[in-house]
Each structure stands twice: as C-alpha cells, then as structure tokens.
C-alpha cells in the first residue's frame, strides 16, 4: 500500500495535462494515498482540486537550477512510499523512497505518444487516460459562463505560444463560418475563443465575423483549471497544438488539433474523441526552412488544408467517430 506519494511533473501546461494520466492511475490504484504535487506555476491550478492532495509545490524557475534545490529542501525530510518523477531530475534520486518511478523519454526514432510512453517506460497498464478535477465552485462558475442549455458551442484556440504553430487566422474565420452556418454541423452555435491573456490580441481576430451575442470570451481568466471547466461544456474544440488543446481532450470534448512544426506523434490530442490534421510538409523540413531563412515563422502552418480540417470536424461530430489522424 502506498500512503505517501510525491509526483513531480512538468512546468508546461500541455505536458502537465498529459501527466495526469499517470496520476489518475495511481489514485485509482491507491485510493487511500496522500499526494504531493511538484510542478510549474502555470499548470499548478489543475492539481489544486484533485482528490487526496496533501500539498502542492509550485516550482518557478530559478537561476542555476535553484528550483530543484528548493524542491529537495521541501521533500527531503521524509520517506516516500512512491516517488514519480516525470522530469528525470536529481531530486528523485536524493530522497528516501520505497519505490521510484522515473520517466525517461524514448529516443526520437522510437517516439510514440507521450501518454503511451508513460505507460511503457513506467510499466503501467495501458491505456492510461488524462483526467482533470474540478471543485463545485468551478463547475458552477463555468456553467454560468458557458450557459450550456442555450445551445451548441464551438470553441477555437487560434493562438499558440510560438508563431510557427499558428494556423492562419483567416482560415479560422472561414472554418467558424462553415461550422456554424445554418446548414453546418453546429448551426448558429456560439463561439468561444480560448487563449492566454497575452495571446488575446491575435486570437480575438477569430471573432471578426461572429455576432457579438454569439461570442464567449475565454481569454480574460488566467486560471487553466477554470478554462478546463468551461471547455467541458463545448460541442467541439478546434485549435493549434497547445496546452488548451490537451485540456479540451482531457475533459472529453470532441477535439481537433492542428500540427505543423510540432510533433503529432508525441503531442496529438489524446482520447476517444480526438482527431488531428498535420501539414503535409515534414516537421524537419519546416524547421530547416526557417533556420535557413527560406520561410517566415508565420508560414509554417500554411499547407494545412481547409478541407481536411473541415472533414476532421465532421468526422468527430459523427456518433461513431474513431480516434484517428487525418493527414
């Protein structure tokens, strides 16, 4: 029996969401355990309402690896039943533990989805599945924000933390027109735009042709847990490879991810209601062209075909849509 678990996960939002697949398995296997979470400040709110939480240790980066020293100082004074370290840090080797589960990523030529790698490398039963947890207050506030009884909601995530991962905004506008048209799969749906507050300026352009009464703003709140509770009410999420895309998939809504210079083999949206479309130009060629000055960053998603994205959206909205990729 494991009564005391230390779980060290990512400072990046998307990776932290995927890591909840391991955490959910441990909670199911050891329902009486108490869990201490160590992660970056951005994803920390995702873990604040999880069951069996003993402590949450945000780890803002510090010079010369000082964040690792501070974590070691916080956790070294006790013996842990299980230490799960998804960052392969020295801390997990310098504290007392009955069992250590340390994740080391597969080499590039053997890459598989991150969640499948977790299962394989940590010797856990597959399939694992990401899971998020919400408080009653978050659930109530999200219902008030989204008003799910008022009809279908299309959510789009048109921004990314890097310009090279953004599908052109005019394509998002055209996709919204198509999906919410009177004869589309989500007729007259309200449109929620999700993005980090610092991405608002570019993301808000997705609303250019959406009537104000059909707009839902998910860009003002910086709490990813509240964003997750809101996205749980949408009918379809379409967005670039981002943490919000992984959140949408984790809460079980139909999710279509768009990929160019990022690796869909590892970071495709994960779950039974997911599709993804990637650029026909290989990732390595896109990166090489940028490094050689042959392409601007803003062109790396240009080859993603609108018709392929539409088809993925239609497939996933069909009752029997399968977990598969569109290329």
Protein backbone atom coordinates (compact mmCIF):
# COMPACT_ATOMS: atom_id res chain seq x y z
CA UNK A 1 0.00 0.00 0.00
CA UNK A 2 1.22 3.49 -0.86
CA UNK A 3 0.22 6.14 1.66
CA UNK A 4 2.59 8.94 0.70
CA UNK A 5 3.28 9.78 -2.96
CA UNK A 6 5.47 12.52 -4.42
CA UNK A 7 4.54 13.38 -8.02
CA UNK A 8 6.98 15.59 -9.97
CA UNK A 9 5.59 16.82 -13.26
CA UNK A 10 6.07 19.46 -15.92
CA UNK A 11 6.23 23.24 -15.85
CA UNK A 12 4.49 23.25 -19.28
CA UNK A 13 0.71 23.16 -19.40
CA UNK A 14 0.27 20.52 -22.12
CA UNK A 15 2.78 18.08 -20.65
CA UNK A 16 1.26 18.51 -17.20
CA UNK A 17 -2.20 17.69 -18.58
CA UNK A 18 -0.87 14.53 -20.22
CA UNK A 19 0.88 13.55 -16.99
CA UNK A 20 -2.48 13.37 -15.22
CA UNK A 21 -2.90 10.01 -16.97
CA UNK A 22 -0.22 8.61 -14.64
CA UNK A 23 -1.63 10.43 -11.63
CA UNK A 24 -5.16 9.15 -12.29
CA UNK A 25 -3.88 5.59 -12.44
CA UNK A 26 -2.10 5.98 -9.08
CA UNK A 27 -5.20 7.47 -7.45
CA UNK A 28 -7.26 4.55 -8.68
CA UNK A 29 -4.68 2.00 -7.56
CA UNK A 30 -4.06 3.61 -4.15
CA UNK A 31 -7.33 5.32 -3.18
CA UNK A 32 -6.16 5.98 0.39
CA UNK A 33 -2.91 7.70 -0.61
CA UNK A 34 -1.90 11.29 0.06
CA UNK A 35 -0.21 13.00 -2.88
CA UNK A 36 2.25 15.89 -3.01
CA UNK A 37 2.46 17.55 -6.42
CA UNK A 38 5.53 19.46 -7.64
CA UNK A 39 5.04 21.30 -10.94
CA UNK A 40 5.43 24.63 -12.70
CA UNK A 41 3.30 27.60 -11.59
CA UNK A 42 1.24 27.66 -14.80
CA UNK A 43 -0.28 24.15 -14.53
CA UNK A 44 -0.45 24.19 -10.70
CA UNK A 45 -4.18 25.17 -10.59
CA UNK A 46 -5.03 21.96 -12.48
CA UNK A 47 -3.96 19.95 -9.43
CA UNK A 48 -5.36 22.20 -6.70
CA UNK A 49 -8.74 20.43 -6.57
CA UNK A 50 -7.62 16.86 -7.15
CA UNK A 51 -8.65 14.26 -4.56
CA UNK A 52 -6.12 13.09 -1.97
CA UNK A 53 -4.00 16.23 -2.37
CA UNK A 54 -1.64 16.63 0.56
CA UNK A 55 0.44 19.56 -0.74
CA UNK A 56 1.01 21.49 -3.96
CA UNK A 57 4.52 22.82 -4.57
CA UNK A 58 4.76 25.29 -7.48
CA UNK A 59 8.28 25.45 -8.90
CA UNK A 60 9.05 28.77 -10.61
CA UNK A 61 12.33 28.53 -12.47
CA UNK A 62 15.36 29.89 -10.69
CA UNK A 63 18.90 30.56 -11.83
CA UNK A 64 21.37 27.68 -11.84
CA UNK A 65 18.65 25.13 -11.12
CA UNK A 66 17.71 26.74 -7.83
CA UNK A 67 14.13 25.49 -8.15
CA UNK A 68 15.41 21.91 -7.82
CA UNK A 69 17.36 22.79 -4.69
CA UNK A 70 14.24 24.34 -3.15
CA UNK A 71 12.18 21.26 -4.01
CA UNK A 72 14.79 18.95 -2.47
CA UNK A 73 14.74 21.05 0.68
CA UNK A 74 10.95 20.75 0.85
CA UNK A 75 10.76 16.97 0.43
CA UNK A 76 14.00 15.52 1.81
CA UNK A 77 12.87 15.22 5.44
CA UNK A 78 10.56 12.25 5.00
CA UNK A 79 10.45 8.85 3.42
CA UNK A 80 8.10 8.49 0.45
CA UNK A 81 6.23 5.32 -0.44
CA UNK A 82 6.36 6.22 -4.14
CA UNK A 83 8.25 8.97 -5.95
CA UNK A 84 7.08 9.59 -9.51
CA UNK A 85 9.47 11.84 -11.43
CA UNK A 86 8.37 12.66 -14.97
CA UNK A 87 11.25 15.13 -15.38
CA UNK A 88 14.10 12.70 -14.60
CA UNK A 89 15.52 15.07 -12.01
CA UNK A 90 18.29 14.53 -9.49
CA UNK A 91 15.85 15.23 -6.64
CA UNK A 92 14.10 11.88 -7.03
CA UNK A 93 17.45 10.13 -6.57
CA UNK A 94 18.50 12.10 -3.48
CA UNK A 95 15.49 11.47 -1.27
CA UNK A 96 14.35 8.36 0.58
CA UNK A 97 11.75 6.30 -1.29
CA UNK A 98 10.41 2.76 -1.20
CA UNK A 99 9.71 2.87 -4.92
CA UNK A 100 10.91 5.22 -7.65
CA UNK A 101 9.14 5.67 -11.00
CA UNK A 102 11.42 7.83 -13.16
CA UNK A 103 10.40 8.67 -16.71
CA UNK A 104 12.98 8.88 -19.47
CA UNK A 105 11.65 9.74 -22.93
CA UNK A 106 12.22 7.37 -25.83
CA UNK A 107 14.83 8.39 -28.46
CA UNK A 108 13.48 10.25 -31.49
CA UNK A 109 13.40 7.26 -33.81
CA UNK A 110 11.19 5.32 -31.37
CA UNK A 111 8.89 8.16 -30.41
CA UNK A 112 5.28 7.41 -29.61
CA UNK A 113 2.60 9.45 -27.96
CA UNK A 114 3.70 10.84 -24.60
CA UNK A 115 0.89 9.06 -22.73
CA UNK A 116 1.83 5.73 -24.33
CA UNK A 117 5.45 6.38 -23.40
CA UNK A 118 4.41 6.94 -19.80
CA UNK A 119 2.70 3.55 -19.74
CA UNK A 120 5.63 1.76 -21.37
CA UNK A 121 8.52 3.39 -19.53
CA UNK A 122 6.85 3.33 -16.09
CA UNK A 123 5.49 -0.21 -16.62
CA UNK A 124 1.87 0.80 -16.10
CA UNK A 125 -1.13 -0.90 -17.69
CA UNK A 126 -2.32 0.69 -20.92
CA UNK A 127 -4.34 2.53 -21.86
CA UNK A 128 -3.79 5.40 -19.47
CA UNK A 129 -6.11 8.37 -19.83
CA UNK A 130 -5.61 12.01 -18.73
CA UNK A 131 -8.08 13.25 -16.13
CA UNK A 132 -8.87 16.67 -14.64
CA UNK A 133 -10.70 17.50 -11.41
CA UNK A 134 -12.95 20.46 -10.54
CA UNK A 135 -14.41 21.99 -7.41
CA UNK A 136 -18.14 22.64 -7.08
CA UNK A 137 -17.38 26.36 -7.29
CA UNK A 138 -15.51 25.93 -10.59
CA UNK A 139 -18.31 23.79 -12.03
CA UNK A 140 -20.95 26.36 -11.05
CA UNK A 141 -18.93 29.31 -12.37
CA UNK A 142 -18.24 27.50 -15.65
CA UNK A 143 -21.94 26.77 -16.16
CA UNK A 144 -22.73 30.43 -15.56
CA UNK A 145 -20.08 31.49 -18.06
CA UNK A 146 -20.94 28.97 -20.78
CA UNK A 147 -24.74 28.59 -20.39
CA UNK A 148 -24.69 25.11 -21.98
CA UNK A 149 -28.51 24.89 -22.07
CA UNK A 150 -28.59 27.75 -24.60
CA UNK A 151 -27.35 25.54 -27.45
CA UNK A 152 -24.15 24.24 -29.05
CA UNK A 153 -20.78 25.93 -28.55
CA UNK A 154 -17.82 25.86 -30.91
CA UNK A 155 -14.51 26.60 -29.16
CA UNK A 156 -11.40 27.62 -31.09
CA UNK A 157 -7.83 28.05 -29.89
CA UNK A 158 -6.27 30.13 -32.68
CA UNK A 159 -3.20 31.31 -30.77
CA UNK A 160 -0.09 29.46 -29.61
CA UNK A 161 2.99 30.19 -27.53
CA UNK A 162 5.06 30.31 -30.74
CA UNK A 163 4.05 31.96 -34.02
CA UNK A 164 5.21 28.94 -36.01
CA UNK A 165 2.39 26.82 -34.53
CA UNK A 166 -0.47 29.16 -35.54
CA UNK A 167 -2.80 28.29 -38.41
CA UNK A 168 -3.61 31.48 -40.37
CA UNK A 169 -6.39 33.49 -38.76
CA UNK A 170 -8.41 33.89 -41.96
CA UNK A 171 -8.71 30.09 -42.08
CA UNK A 172 -10.12 30.01 -38.56
CA UNK A 173 -12.62 32.67 -39.59
CA UNK A 174 -13.67 30.63 -42.64
CA UNK A 175 -13.88 27.45 -40.55
CA UNK A 176 -16.12 29.15 -38.00
CA UNK A 177 -18.36 30.39 -40.84
CA UNK A 178 -18.62 26.86 -42.22
CA UNK A 179 -19.24 25.02 -38.94
CA UNK A 180 -21.80 27.48 -37.58
CA UNK A 181 -23.68 28.14 -40.84
CA UNK A 182 -27.40 27.35 -40.93
CA UNK A 183 -26.62 24.16 -42.84
CA UNK A 184 -23.41 23.38 -40.92
CA UNK A 185 -22.89 20.73 -38.23
CA UNK A 186 -23.24 23.35 -35.43
CA UNK A 187 -25.86 25.75 -36.84
CA UNK A 188 -25.80 29.21 -35.22
CA UNK A 189 -23.54 27.91 -32.45
CA UNK A 190 -21.99 30.37 -30.04
CA UNK A 191 -18.22 30.69 -30.50
CA UNK A 192 -15.79 30.58 -27.57
CA UNK A 193 -12.27 31.82 -28.23
CA UNK A 194 -9.67 30.46 -25.80
CA UNK A 195 -6.16 31.83 -25.39
CA UNK A 196 -3.77 33.09 -22.76
CA UNK A 197 -4.30 36.77 -21.90
CA UNK A 198 -1.05 37.72 -23.66
CA UNK A 199 -2.33 35.98 -26.82
CA UNK A 200 -5.61 37.91 -26.85
CA UNK A 201 -4.57 40.46 -29.46
CA UNK A 202 -4.05 37.87 -32.21
CA UNK A 203 -6.73 35.42 -31.06
CA UNK A 204 -9.58 37.91 -30.95
CA UNK A 205 -9.46 38.24 -34.74
CA UNK A 206 -11.21 34.86 -34.95
CA UNK A 207 -14.40 36.69 -33.92
CA UNK A 208 -14.35 39.20 -36.78
CA UNK A 209 -17.45 37.73 -38.42
CA UNK A 210 -19.17 36.35 -35.30
CA UNK A 211 -22.13 38.42 -33.96
CA UNK A 212 -21.40 39.78 -30.51
CA UNK A 213 -24.32 37.93 -28.93
CA UNK A 214 -22.75 34.64 -30.02
CA UNK A 215 -19.28 35.36 -28.60
CA UNK A 216 -17.92 33.72 -25.42
CA UNK A 217 -14.68 35.17 -24.10
CA UNK A 218 -12.33 32.61 -22.53
CA UNK A 219 -9.25 34.82 -22.76
CA UNK A 220 -9.55 37.01 -19.67
CA UNK A 221 -9.16 34.39 -16.93
CA UNK A 222 -5.59 33.15 -16.39
CA UNK A 223 -6.63 30.03 -14.45
CA UNK A 224 -6.27 26.93 -16.66
CA UNK A 225 -8.49 24.92 -14.30
CA UNK A 226 -11.40 27.33 -14.85
CA UNK A 227 -10.73 27.26 -18.61
CA UNK A 228 -10.90 23.46 -18.43
CA UNK A 229 -14.22 23.54 -16.55
CA UNK A 230 -15.58 25.89 -19.24
CA UNK A 231 -14.31 23.80 -22.15
CA UNK A 232 -16.07 20.76 -20.70
CA UNK A 233 -19.32 22.32 -21.97
CA UNK A 234 -18.36 22.86 -25.63
CA UNK A 235 -19.59 20.79 -28.55
CA UNK A 236 -16.30 20.92 -30.47
CA UNK A 237 -12.82 22.34 -29.89
CA UNK A 238 -10.50 23.18 -32.81
CA UNK A 239 -7.07 24.61 -32.13
CA UNK A 240 -3.35 24.67 -32.69
CA UNK A 241 -1.08 22.35 -30.72
CA UNK A 242 -1.23 23.92 -27.25
CA UNK A 243 -1.96 23.26 -23.61
CA UNK A 244 -5.59 24.28 -24.17
CA UNK A 245 -5.92 21.64 -26.89
CA UNK A 246 -4.76 18.99 -24.41
CA UNK A 247 -7.16 20.34 -21.78
CA UNK A 248 -10.08 20.05 -24.21
CA UNK A 249 -9.21 16.44 -24.99
CA UNK A 250 -8.72 15.62 -21.30
CA UNK A 251 -12.21 16.84 -20.36
CA UNK A 252 -13.66 14.59 -23.06
CA UNK A 253 -14.99 17.03 -25.62
CA UNK A 254 -14.52 16.36 -29.37
CA UNK A 255 -11.12 17.89 -30.15
CA UNK A 256 -9.36 18.58 -33.44
CA UNK A 257 -5.67 19.58 -33.20
CA UNK A 258 -3.62 21.26 -35.93
CA UNK A 259 0.08 20.47 -36.32
CA UNK A 260 2.94 21.81 -38.41
CA UNK A 261 6.41 22.17 -36.84
CA UNK A 262 5.43 20.30 -33.66
CA UNK A 263 5.37 16.53 -33.40
CA UNK A 264 1.91 14.98 -33.61
CA UNK A 265 3.41 11.54 -32.92
CA UNK A 266 4.07 12.69 -29.36
CA UNK A 267 1.61 15.51 -28.77
CA UNK A 268 -1.56 14.76 -30.72
CA UNK A 269 -4.72 15.30 -28.65
CA UNK A 270 -5.26 12.11 -26.68
CA UNK A 271 -8.58 10.42 -26.07
CA UNK A 272 -11.52 8.66 -27.70
CA UNK A 273 -12.97 11.84 -29.24
CA UNK A 274 -9.91 13.27 -30.96
CA UNK A 275 -8.72 13.98 -34.48
CA UNK A 276 -5.70 15.83 -35.76
CA UNK A 277 -4.54 17.27 -39.05
CA UNK A 278 -0.90 17.95 -39.78
CA UNK A 279 0.90 19.81 -42.51
CA UNK A 280 1.98 17.59 -45.42
CA UNK A 281 5.40 19.23 -45.17
CA UNK A 282 7.52 17.22 -42.69
CA UNK A 283 8.35 18.86 -39.41
CA UNK A 284 12.09 18.60 -40.06
CA UNK A 285 11.73 20.37 -43.42
CA UNK A 286 9.72 23.19 -41.86
CA UNK A 287 12.33 23.77 -39.16
CA UNK A 288 15.18 23.56 -41.69
CA UNK A 289 13.49 26.15 -43.93
CA UNK A 290 13.11 28.58 -41.01
CA UNK A 291 16.72 28.09 -39.92
CA UNK A 292 17.87 28.71 -43.49
CA UNK A 293 15.83 31.90 -43.76
CA UNK A 294 13.69 30.43 -46.55
CA UNK A 295 10.37 30.74 -44.68
CA UNK A 296 8.99 33.08 -42.04
CA UNK A 297 7.67 31.52 -38.84
CA UNK A 298 4.15 32.63 -39.69
CA UNK A 299 4.07 30.37 -42.79
CA UNK A 300 4.71 27.01 -41.14
CA UNK A 301 1.04 26.02 -40.91
CA UNK A 302 0.06 27.34 -44.36
CA UNK A 303 -0.06 23.92 -46.01
CA UNK A 304 -2.74 22.56 -43.65
CA UNK A 305 -5.69 22.13 -45.96
CA UNK A 306 -9.01 23.70 -45.02
CA UNK A 307 -10.97 20.80 -46.50
CA UNK A 308 -9.00 18.32 -44.39
CA UNK A 309 -9.80 20.31 -41.24
CA UNK A 310 -13.48 20.52 -42.15
CA UNK A 311 -13.55 16.77 -42.78
CA UNK A 312 -11.94 16.07 -39.40
CA UNK A 313 -14.53 18.25 -37.67
CA UNK A 314 -17.40 16.49 -39.44
CA UNK A 315 -15.98 13.06 -38.61
CA UNK A 316 -15.56 13.78 -34.94
CA UNK A 317 -19.08 15.14 -34.64
CA UNK A 318 -20.48 11.89 -36.01
CA UNK A 319 -21.55 9.49 -33.22
CA UNK A 320 -19.18 6.74 -34.36
CA UNK A 321 -16.11 8.95 -34.87
CA UNK A 322 -12.93 6.99 -34.18
CA UNK A 323 -9.67 8.05 -32.54
CA UNK A 324 -7.54 8.57 -35.66
CA UNK A 325 -5.47 11.14 -37.53
CA UNK A 326 -6.27 12.93 -40.74
CA UNK A 327 -3.30 13.63 -42.99
